[in-house]
Amino acid sequence: MVRITLFLILIFTFSFSNSKNIYERNCVTCHNRISVTIDKYFYRYLLEYSSEEEVKKAMFEFIKNPTKEKSLMSEALIKRFGLKKKTRLSDKELKEALDIYWDEYNLFGKLK
């Protein structure tokens, strides 16, 4: 009986544990609700800011305090979906999410 109970507790724990990382929990879930895929933002930022450091810096500043002036979205997309709300992530959490985002979509060194 004890083994069965322990087994059920383990199954229950693993079934409901959140294995998603901070980027998946806080960024992907919201971006999946709009028609512009999250990778399109990456490429827009990369075209505008070029380097990893500058892309992350610009995204960090926008996400911390979103304004139309800082946005790379078209006016039509802003009218349709609105401007992003300020993040509730800490600076450390946001930087971690941006690092994961960069690694996910960065093609440098991946192309052969």
C-alpha atoms as a PDB file:
ATOM      1  CA  MET A   1       0.000   0.000   0.000  1.00  0.00           C
ATOM      2  CA  VAL A   2       2.835   2.400   0.867  1.00  0.00           C
ATOM      3  CA  ARG A   3       4.524   1.700  -2.466  1.00  0.00           C
ATOM      4  CA  ILE A   4       1.336   2.402  -4.382  1.00  0.00           C
ATOM      5  CA  THR A   5       0.775   5.657  -2.486  1.00  0.00           C
ATOM      6  CA  LEU A   6       4.363   6.766  -3.049  1.00  0.00           C
ATOM      7  CA  PHE A   7       4.116   5.858  -6.733  1.00  0.00           C
ATOM      8  CA  LEU A   8       0.885   7.860  -7.116  1.00  0.00           C
ATOM      9  CA  ILE A   9       2.410  10.869  -5.374  1.00  0.00           C
ATOM     10  CA  LEU A  10       5.406  10.785  -7.727  1.00  0.00           C
ATOM     11  CA  ILE A  11       3.185  10.482 -10.796  1.00  0.00           C
ATOM     12  CA  PHE A  12       0.995  13.340  -9.585  1.00  0.00           C
ATOM     13  CA  THR A  13       4.020  15.543  -8.864  1.00  0.00           C
ATOM     14  CA  PHE A  14       5.609  14.995 -12.266  1.00  0.00           C
ATOM     15  CA  SER A  15       2.300  15.368 -14.095  1.00  0.00           C
ATOM     16  CA  PHE A  16       1.657  18.825 -12.703  1.00  0.00           C
ATOM     17  CA  SER A  17       5.175  20.200 -12.483  1.00  0.00           C
ATOM     18  CA  ASN A  18       5.899  23.105 -14.790  1.00  0.00           C
ATOM     19  CA  SER A  19       8.849  22.096 -16.923  1.00  0.00           C
ATOM     20  CA  LYS A  20       8.687  25.169 -19.153  1.00  0.00           C
ATOM     21  CA  ASN A  21      11.449  27.714 -18.823  1.00  0.00           C
ATOM     22  CA  ILE A  22      10.879  31.387 -18.036  1.00  0.00           C
ATOM     23  CA  TYR A  23      10.815  32.326 -21.731  1.00  0.00           C
ATOM     24  CA  GLU A  24       8.175  29.715 -22.580  1.00  0.00           C
ATOM     25  CA  ARG A  25       6.018  30.577 -19.553  1.00  0.00           C
ATOM     26  CA  ASN A  26       6.159  34.344 -19.900  1.00  0.00           C
ATOM     27  CA  CYS A  27       6.751  35.139 -23.567  1.00  0.00           C
ATOM     28  CA  VAL A  28       5.608  32.323 -25.831  1.00  0.00           C
ATOM     29  CA  THR A  29       2.232  31.866 -24.136  1.00  0.00           C
ATOM     30  CA  CYS A  30       1.185  35.449 -24.893  1.00  0.00           C
ATOM     31  CA  HIS A  31       2.782  35.687 -28.326  1.00  0.00           C
ATOM     32  CA  ASN A  32       0.967  32.527 -29.427  1.00  0.00           C
ATOM     33  CA  ARG A  33      -2.288  34.516 -29.160  1.00  0.00           C
ATOM     34  CA  ILE A  34      -1.375  36.939 -31.945  1.00  0.00           C
ATOM     35  CA  SER A  35      -0.912  36.298 -35.643  1.00  0.00           C
ATOM     36  CA  VAL A  36       2.663  37.592 -35.891  1.00  0.00           C
ATOM     37  CA  THR A  37       4.980  34.822 -34.777  1.00  0.00           C
ATOM     38  CA  ILE A  38       7.583  35.568 -32.126  1.00  0.00           C
ATOM     39  CA  ASP A  39      10.480  34.844 -34.488  1.00  0.00           C
ATOM     40  CA  LYS A  40       9.448  37.805 -36.679  1.00  0.00           C
ATOM     41  CA  TYR A  41      10.245  40.173 -33.801  1.00  0.00           C
ATOM     42  CA  PHE A  42      13.677  38.641 -33.480  1.00  0.00           C
ATOM     43  CA  TYR A  43      14.477  39.299 -37.131  1.00  0.00           C
ATOM     44  CA  ARG A  44      13.126  42.858 -36.950  1.00  0.00           C
ATOM     45  CA  TYR A  45      15.326  43.593 -33.947  1.00  0.00           C
ATOM     46  CA  LEU A  46      18.309  41.934 -35.598  1.00  0.00           C
ATOM     47  CA  LEU A  47      17.900  44.039 -38.748  1.00  0.00           C
ATOM     48  CA  GLU A  48      17.568  47.205 -36.686  1.00  0.00           C
ATOM     49  CA  TYR A  49      20.248  46.635 -34.039  1.00  0.00           C
ATOM     50  CA  SER A  50      22.630  44.049 -35.597  1.00  0.00           C
ATOM     51  CA  SER A  51      24.539  42.703 -32.583  1.00  0.00           C
ATOM     52  CA  GLU A  52      23.457  40.383 -29.793  1.00  0.00           C
ATOM     53  CA  GLU A  53      24.249  43.005 -27.170  1.00  0.00           C
ATOM     54  CA  GLU A  54      22.293  45.770 -28.913  1.00  0.00           C
ATOM     55  CA  VAL A  55      19.314  43.529 -29.717  1.00  0.00           C
ATOM     56  CA  LYS A  56      19.016  42.368 -26.112  1.00  0.00           C
ATOM     57  CA  LYS A  57      19.472  45.912 -24.807  1.00  0.00           C
ATOM     58  CA  ALA A  58      16.736  47.310 -27.079  1.00  0.00           C
ATOM     59  CA  MET A  59      14.351  44.465 -26.295  1.00  0.00           C
ATOM     60  CA  PHE A  60      15.029  44.799 -22.570  1.00  0.00           C
ATOM     61  CA  GLU A  61      14.317  48.539 -22.639  1.00  0.00           C
ATOM     62  CA  PHE A  62      11.140  48.069 -24.673  1.00  0.00           C
ATOM     63  CA  ILE A  63       9.781  45.249 -22.528  1.00  0.00           C
ATOM     64  CA  LYS A  64      10.499  47.176 -19.314  1.00  0.00           C
ATOM     65  CA  ASN A  65       8.776  50.319 -20.630  1.00  0.00           C
ATOM     66  CA  PRO A  66       6.892  49.760 -23.905  1.00  0.00           C
ATOM     67  CA  THR A  67       6.187  52.854 -25.987  1.00  0.00           C
ATOM     68  CA  LYS A  68       5.166  53.366 -29.603  1.00  0.00           C
ATOM     69  CA  GLU A  69       8.467  55.154 -30.206  1.00  0.00           C
ATOM     70  CA  LYS A  70      10.486  52.134 -29.078  1.00  0.00           C
ATOM     71  CA  SER A  71       8.282  49.585 -30.817  1.00  0.00           C
ATOM     72  CA  LEU A  72       9.344  47.923 -34.054  1.00  0.00           C
ATOM     73  CA  MET A  73       5.767  46.832 -34.741  1.00  0.00           C
ATOM     74  CA  SER A  74       3.900  48.531 -37.546  1.00  0.00           C
ATOM     75  CA  GLU A  75       1.197  51.026 -36.659  1.00  0.00           C
ATOM     76  CA  ALA A  76      -1.398  48.586 -38.023  1.00  0.00           C
ATOM     77  CA  LEU A  77      -0.250  45.830 -35.650  1.00  0.00           C
ATOM     78  CA  ILE A  78      -0.244  48.216 -32.701  1.00  0.00           C
ATOM     79  CA  LYS A  79      -3.815  49.283 -33.558  1.00  0.00           C
ATOM     80  CA  ARG A  80      -4.912  45.674 -33.948  1.00  0.00           C
ATOM     81  CA  PHE A  81      -3.226  44.126 -30.892  1.00  0.00           C
ATOM     82  CA  GLY A  82      -2.339  47.128 -28.761  1.00  0.00           C
ATOM     83  CA  LEU A  83       0.977  47.941 -27.188  1.00  0.00           C
ATOM     84  CA  LYS A  84       2.553  45.415 -24.884  1.00  0.00           C
ATOM     85  CA  LYS A  85       2.069  45.958 -21.166  1.00  0.00           C
ATOM     86  CA  LYS A  86       5.111  46.452 -18.937  1.00  0.00           C
ATOM     87  CA  THR A  87       6.661  43.207 -17.828  1.00  0.00           C
ATOM     88  CA  ARG A  88       6.341  42.004 -14.274  1.00  0.00           C
ATOM     89  CA  LEU A  89       9.556  40.011 -14.571  1.00  0.00           C
ATOM     90  CA  SER A  90      12.563  41.094 -12.562  1.00  0.00           C
ATOM     91  CA  ASP A  91      15.589  42.364 -14.482  1.00  0.00           C
ATOM     92  CA  LYS A  92      17.342  39.040 -13.870  1.00  0.00           C
ATOM     93  CA  GLU A  93      14.351  37.005 -15.098  1.00  0.00           C
ATOM     94  CA  LEU A  94      13.925  39.202 -18.176  1.00  0.00           C
ATOM     95  CA  LYS A  95      17.608  38.880 -19.065  1.00  0.00           C
ATOM     96  CA  GLU A  96      17.341  35.106 -18.698  1.00  0.00           C
ATOM     97  CA  ALA A  97      14.273  35.049 -20.976  1.00  0.00           C
ATOM     98  CA  LEU A  98      16.068  37.206 -23.558  1.00  0.00           C
ATOM     99  CA  ASP A  99      19.095  34.893 -23.458  1.00  0.00           C
ATOM    100  CA  ILE A 100      16.843  31.902 -24.161  1.00  0.00           C
ATOM    101  CA  TYR A 101      15.066  33.849 -26.926  1.00  0.00           C
ATOM    102  CA  TRP A 102      18.392  34.781 -28.530  1.00  0.00           C
ATOM    103  CA  ASP A 103      19.614  31.184 -28.413  1.00  0.00           C
ATOM    104  CA  GLU A 104      16.332  29.952 -29.883  1.00  0.00           C
ATOM    105  CA  TYR A 105      16.356  32.159 -32.994  1.00  0.00           C
ATOM    106  CA  ASN A 106      19.988  33.141 -33.514  1.00  0.00           C
ATOM    107  CA  LEU A 107      21.274  31.585 -36.717  1.00  0.00           C
ATOM    108  CA  PHE A 108      24.905  32.683 -36.401  1.00  0.00           C
ATOM    109  CA  GLY A 109      27.100  29.616 -36.170  1.00  0.00           C
ATOM    110  CA  LYS A 110      24.164  27.297 -36.928  1.00  0.00           C
ATOM    111  CA  LEU A 111      24.270  27.594 -40.713  1.00  0.00           C
ATOM    112  CA  LYS A 112      26.689  25.407 -42.627  1.00  0.00           C
END
